[in-house]
């Protein structure tokens, strides 16, 4: 995968929400994103436009989905989340806390560091919550994976 864009925690929240809603019904609507994230219509619209401009989200008839690029980026984020969560849990951080903290720590850690952590932990394939981590590279559709958000 080419270099993933640097995303904020909030941008990842939007990708996760669009992904979850798309898993349920094939797409996400603006109203669902607004309700899930507790944001205003204008805030959601601006962020979705930004993600569309980045090539991560597509829109058809006011229905949103992740693009292939969006799925690649989210797959990487889910994998990184799981690795960081495993490391924190290994260090004794309670699972609930390690899950929340890993989303916040992810943007701060270079890929090489996360890769090293993964190897040092004997290449875990599940997070401490028991959710399967996406494979690198993806060998099955992202929609077959669950999201670890405790």
C-alpha atoms as a PDB file:
ATOM      1  CA  UNK A   1       0.000   0.000   0.000  1.00  0.00           C
ATOM      2  CA  UNK A   2       1.292   3.458  -0.815  1.00  0.00           C
ATOM      3  CA  UNK A   3       1.892   5.743   2.141  1.00  0.00           C
ATOM      4  CA  UNK A   4      -1.300   6.120   4.138  1.00  0.00           C
ATOM      5  CA  UNK A   5      -2.470   9.678   4.678  1.00  0.00           C
ATOM      6  CA  UNK A   6      -1.896  11.163   8.097  1.00  0.00           C
ATOM      7  CA  UNK A   7      -5.341  11.100   9.662  1.00  0.00           C
ATOM      8  CA  UNK A   8      -6.560  12.682  12.851  1.00  0.00           C
ATOM      9  CA  UNK A   9      -8.363  10.594  15.444  1.00  0.00           C
ATOM     10  CA  UNK A  10     -11.571  12.359  14.403  1.00  0.00           C
ATOM     11  CA  UNK A  11     -11.091  11.525  10.726  1.00  0.00           C
ATOM     12  CA  UNK A  12     -10.630   7.878  11.709  1.00  0.00           C
ATOM     13  CA  UNK A  13     -13.847   8.118  13.774  1.00  0.00           C
ATOM     14  CA  UNK A  14     -15.704   9.109  10.597  1.00  0.00           C
ATOM     15  CA  UNK A  15     -14.150   6.272   8.583  1.00  0.00           C
ATOM     16  CA  UNK A  16     -15.074   3.802  11.323  1.00  0.00           C
ATOM     17  CA  UNK A  17     -18.638   5.081  11.455  1.00  0.00           C
ATOM     18  CA  UNK A  18     -19.090   4.949   7.683  1.00  0.00           C
ATOM     19  CA  UNK A  19     -17.587   1.451   7.686  1.00  0.00           C
ATOM     20  CA  UNK A  20     -19.889   0.215  10.484  1.00  0.00           C
ATOM     21  CA  UNK A  21     -23.026   1.636   8.882  1.00  0.00           C
ATOM     22  CA  UNK A  22     -21.991   0.264   5.481  1.00  0.00           C
ATOM     23  CA  UNK A  23     -21.587  -3.200   7.013  1.00  0.00           C
ATOM     24  CA  UNK A  24     -25.166  -2.974   8.283  1.00  0.00           C
ATOM     25  CA  UNK A  25     -26.914  -1.690   5.164  1.00  0.00           C
ATOM     26  CA  UNK A  26     -24.378  -1.352   2.367  1.00  0.00           C
ATOM     27  CA  UNK A  27     -23.919   2.386   2.868  1.00  0.00           C
ATOM     28  CA  UNK A  28     -24.021   5.175   5.431  1.00  0.00           C
ATOM     29  CA  UNK A  29     -26.227   8.248   5.398  1.00  0.00           C
ATOM     30  CA  UNK A  30     -25.262  11.670   6.712  1.00  0.00           C
ATOM     31  CA  UNK A  31     -27.941  11.445   9.410  1.00  0.00           C
ATOM     32  CA  UNK A  32     -26.454   8.186  10.722  1.00  0.00           C
ATOM     33  CA  UNK A  33     -22.996   9.719  10.902  1.00  0.00           C
ATOM     34  CA  UNK A  34     -24.402  12.776  12.723  1.00  0.00           C
ATOM     35  CA  UNK A  35     -26.211  10.600  15.274  1.00  0.00           C
ATOM     36  CA  UNK A  36     -23.303   8.203  15.810  1.00  0.00           C
ATOM     37  CA  UNK A  37     -20.698  10.918  16.300  1.00  0.00           C
ATOM     38  CA  UNK A  38     -22.877  13.573  17.931  1.00  0.00           C
ATOM     39  CA  UNK A  39     -21.918  16.321  15.494  1.00  0.00           C
ATOM     40  CA  UNK A  40     -23.835  18.955  13.597  1.00  0.00           C
ATOM     41  CA  UNK A  41     -24.957  18.485  10.000  1.00  0.00           C
ATOM     42  CA  UNK A  42     -22.487  21.093   8.758  1.00  0.00           C
ATOM     43  CA  UNK A  43     -19.591  19.513  10.678  1.00  0.00           C
ATOM     44  CA  UNK A  44     -20.395  16.066   9.277  1.00  0.00           C
ATOM     45  CA  UNK A  45     -20.783  17.427   5.758  1.00  0.00           C
ATOM     46  CA  UNK A  46     -17.423  19.234   5.908  1.00  0.00           C
ATOM     47  CA  UNK A  47     -15.592  16.174   7.221  1.00  0.00           C
ATOM     48  CA  UNK A  48     -17.194  13.822   4.708  1.00  0.00           C
ATOM     49  CA  UNK A  49     -16.258  16.249   1.919  1.00  0.00           C
ATOM     50  CA  UNK A  50     -12.679  16.273   3.194  1.00  0.00           C
ATOM     51  CA  UNK A  51     -12.590  12.452   3.237  1.00  0.00           C
ATOM     52  CA  UNK A  52     -14.083  12.373  -0.273  1.00  0.00           C
ATOM     53  CA  UNK A  53     -11.421  14.835  -1.456  1.00  0.00           C
ATOM     54  CA  UNK A  54      -8.773  12.523   0.039  1.00  0.00           C
ATOM     55  CA  UNK A  55     -10.227   9.648  -1.984  1.00  0.00           C
ATOM     56  CA  UNK A  56     -11.289   7.680   1.093  1.00  0.00           C
ATOM     57  CA  UNK A  57     -15.083   8.002   0.816  1.00  0.00           C
ATOM     58  CA  UNK A  58     -17.409   7.907  -2.186  1.00  0.00           C
ATOM     59  CA  UNK A  59     -20.937   9.253  -2.485  1.00  0.00           C
ATOM     60  CA  UNK A  60     -23.789   8.027  -4.633  1.00  0.00           C
ATOM     61  CA  UNK A  61     -27.283   9.453  -4.140  1.00  0.00           C
ATOM     62  CA  UNK A  62     -26.307  10.857  -0.730  1.00  0.00           C
ATOM     63  CA  UNK A  63     -25.171   7.405   0.359  1.00  0.00           C
ATOM     64  CA  UNK A  64     -21.583   7.072   1.555  1.00  0.00           C
ATOM     65  CA  UNK A  65     -19.154   4.171   1.397  1.00  0.00           C
ATOM     66  CA  UNK A  66     -15.447   3.732   1.806  1.00  0.00           C
ATOM     67  CA  UNK A  67     -13.527   3.601  -1.442  1.00  0.00           C
ATOM     68  CA  UNK A  68     -10.988   0.826  -2.007  1.00  0.00           C
ATOM     69  CA  UNK A  69      -8.358   3.286  -0.804  1.00  0.00           C
ATOM     70  CA  UNK A  70     -10.502   4.080   2.239  1.00  0.00           C
ATOM     71  CA  UNK A  71     -10.725   0.364   3.042  1.00  0.00           C
ATOM     72  CA  UNK A  72      -6.947  -0.021   2.691  1.00  0.00           C
ATOM     73  CA  UNK A  73      -6.338   2.905   5.013  1.00  0.00           C
ATOM     74  CA  UNK A  74      -8.909   1.726   7.564  1.00  0.00           C
ATOM     75  CA  UNK A  75      -7.510  -1.815   7.419  1.00  0.00           C
ATOM     76  CA  UNK A  76      -4.087  -0.439   8.328  1.00  0.00           C
ATOM     77  CA  UNK A  77      -5.614   1.643  11.138  1.00  0.00           C
ATOM     78  CA  UNK A  78      -7.473  -1.390  12.542  1.00  0.00           C
ATOM     79  CA  UNK A  79      -4.291  -3.475  12.432  1.00  0.00           C
ATOM     80  CA  UNK A  80      -2.269  -0.738  14.143  1.00  0.00           C
ATOM     81  CA  UNK A  81      -4.994  -0.305  16.764  1.00  0.00           C
ATOM     82  CA  UNK A  82      -4.902  -4.004  17.578  1.00  0.00           C
ATOM     83  CA  UNK A  83      -1.110  -4.112  17.852  1.00  0.00           C
ATOM     84  CA  UNK A  84      -0.945  -1.061  20.117  1.00  0.00           C
ATOM     85  CA  UNK A  85      -3.816  -2.427  22.207  1.00  0.00           C
ATOM     86  CA  UNK A  86      -1.965  -5.753  22.591  1.00  0.00           C
ATOM     87  CA  UNK A  87       1.167  -3.910  23.752  1.00  0.00           C
ATOM     88  CA  UNK A  88      -0.713  -1.845  26.316  1.00  0.00           C
ATOM     89  CA  UNK A  89      -2.560  -4.900  27.586  1.00  0.00           C
ATOM     90  CA  UNK A  90       0.733  -6.811  27.816  1.00  0.00           C
ATOM     91  CA  UNK A  91       2.057  -3.968  29.983  1.00  0.00           C
ATOM     92  CA  UNK A  92      -0.882  -4.394  32.365  1.00  0.00           C
ATOM     93  CA  UNK A  93      -3.213  -1.666  31.149  1.00  0.00           C
ATOM     94  CA  UNK A  94      -6.839  -2.860  31.527  1.00  0.00           C
ATOM     95  CA  UNK A  95      -8.365  -3.942  28.201  1.00  0.00           C
ATOM     96  CA  UNK A  96     -11.002  -1.194  28.163  1.00  0.00           C
ATOM     97  CA  UNK A  97      -8.347   1.466  28.722  1.00  0.00           C
ATOM     98  CA  UNK A  98      -5.874  -0.065  26.283  1.00  0.00           C
ATOM     99  CA  UNK A  99      -8.547  -0.050  23.568  1.00  0.00           C
ATOM    100  CA  UNK A 100      -9.367   3.632  24.069  1.00  0.00           C
ATOM    101  CA  UNK A 101      -5.749   4.701  24.437  1.00  0.00           C
ATOM    102  CA  UNK A 102      -4.577   2.841  21.346  1.00  0.00           C
ATOM    103  CA  UNK A 103      -6.834   4.943  19.087  1.00  0.00           C
ATOM    104  CA  UNK A 104      -5.275   8.089  20.578  1.00  0.00           C
ATOM    105  CA  UNK A 105      -1.700   6.794  20.395  1.00  0.00           C
ATOM    106  CA  UNK A 106      -1.892   5.510  16.827  1.00  0.00           C
ATOM    107  CA  UNK A 107      -1.218   8.847  15.059  1.00  0.00           C
ATOM    108  CA  UNK A 108       1.867   9.387  17.210  1.00  0.00           C
ATOM    109  CA  UNK A 109       3.680   6.150  16.356  1.00  0.00           C
ATOM    110  CA  UNK A 110       5.640   5.644  13.133  1.00  0.00           C
ATOM    111  CA  UNK A 111       4.810   2.495  11.155  1.00  0.00           C
ATOM    112  CA  UNK A 112       8.249   1.034  11.889  1.00  0.00           C
ATOM    113  CA  UNK A 113       7.590   1.258  15.638  1.00  0.00           C
ATOM    114  CA  UNK A 114       4.215  -0.477  15.366  1.00  0.00           C
ATOM    115  CA  UNK A 115       5.771  -3.163  13.160  1.00  0.00           C
ATOM    116  CA  UNK A 116       8.541  -3.699  15.752  1.00  0.00           C
ATOM    117  CA  UNK A 117       5.991  -3.951  18.557  1.00  0.00           C
ATOM    118  CA  UNK A 118       4.022  -6.499  16.526  1.00  0.00           C
ATOM    119  CA  UNK A 119       7.131  -8.640  16.041  1.00  0.00           C
ATOM    120  CA  UNK A 120       8.171  -8.334  19.702  1.00  0.00           C
ATOM    121  CA  UNK A 121       4.711  -9.560  20.725  1.00  0.00           C
ATOM    122  CA  UNK A 122       5.116 -12.622  18.432  1.00  0.00           C
ATOM    123  CA  UNK A 123       2.891 -11.213  15.675  1.00  0.00           C
ATOM    124  CA  UNK A 124      -0.527 -11.361  17.351  1.00  0.00           C
ATOM    125  CA  UNK A 125      -3.492 -11.870  15.024  1.00  0.00           C
ATOM    126  CA  UNK A 126      -6.171 -10.852  17.549  1.00  0.00           C
ATOM    127  CA  UNK A 127      -6.538  -7.931  19.894  1.00  0.00           C
ATOM    128  CA  UNK A 128      -7.009  -8.532  23.636  1.00  0.00           C
ATOM    129  CA  UNK A 129     -10.779  -8.205  23.090  1.00  0.00           C
ATOM    130  CA  UNK A 130     -10.594 -11.245  20.788  1.00  0.00           C
ATOM    131  CA  UNK A 131     -11.231  -9.358  17.550  1.00  0.00           C
ATOM    132  CA  UNK A 132      -9.265 -10.642  14.547  1.00  0.00           C
ATOM    133  CA  UNK A 133      -6.739  -8.151  13.179  1.00  0.00           C
ATOM    134  CA  UNK A 134      -6.823  -7.497   9.429  1.00  0.00           C
ATOM    135  CA  UNK A 135      -4.039  -9.289   7.603  1.00  0.00           C
ATOM    136  CA  UNK A 136      -1.312  -7.359   5.838  1.00  0.00           C
ATOM    137  CA  UNK A 137      -1.980  -7.309   2.934  1.00  0.00           C
ATOM    138  CA  UNK A 138      -5.713  -7.940   3.169  1.00  0.00           C
ATOM    139  CA  UNK A 139      -6.589 -11.467   2.070  1.00  0.00           C
ATOM    140  CA  UNK A 140     -10.321 -11.147   2.558  1.00  0.00           C
ATOM    141  CA  UNK A 141     -12.753  -8.232   2.316  1.00  0.00           C
ATOM    142  CA  UNK A 142     -12.523  -5.684   5.119  1.00  0.00           C
ATOM    143  CA  UNK A 143     -16.269  -6.158   5.663  1.00  0.00           C
ATOM    144  CA  UNK A 144     -15.496  -9.601   7.122  1.00  0.00           C
ATOM    145  CA  UNK A 145     -13.639  -8.006  10.029  1.00  0.00           C
ATOM    146  CA  UNK A 146     -15.145  -6.538  13.161  1.00  0.00           C
ATOM    147  CA  UNK A 147     -14.123  -3.319  14.841  1.00  0.00           C
ATOM    148  CA  UNK A 148     -12.573  -3.322  18.265  1.00  0.00           C
ATOM    149  CA  UNK A 149     -14.081  -0.394  20.094  1.00  0.00           C
ATOM    150  CA  UNK A 150     -14.680  -1.160  23.762  1.00  0.00           C
END
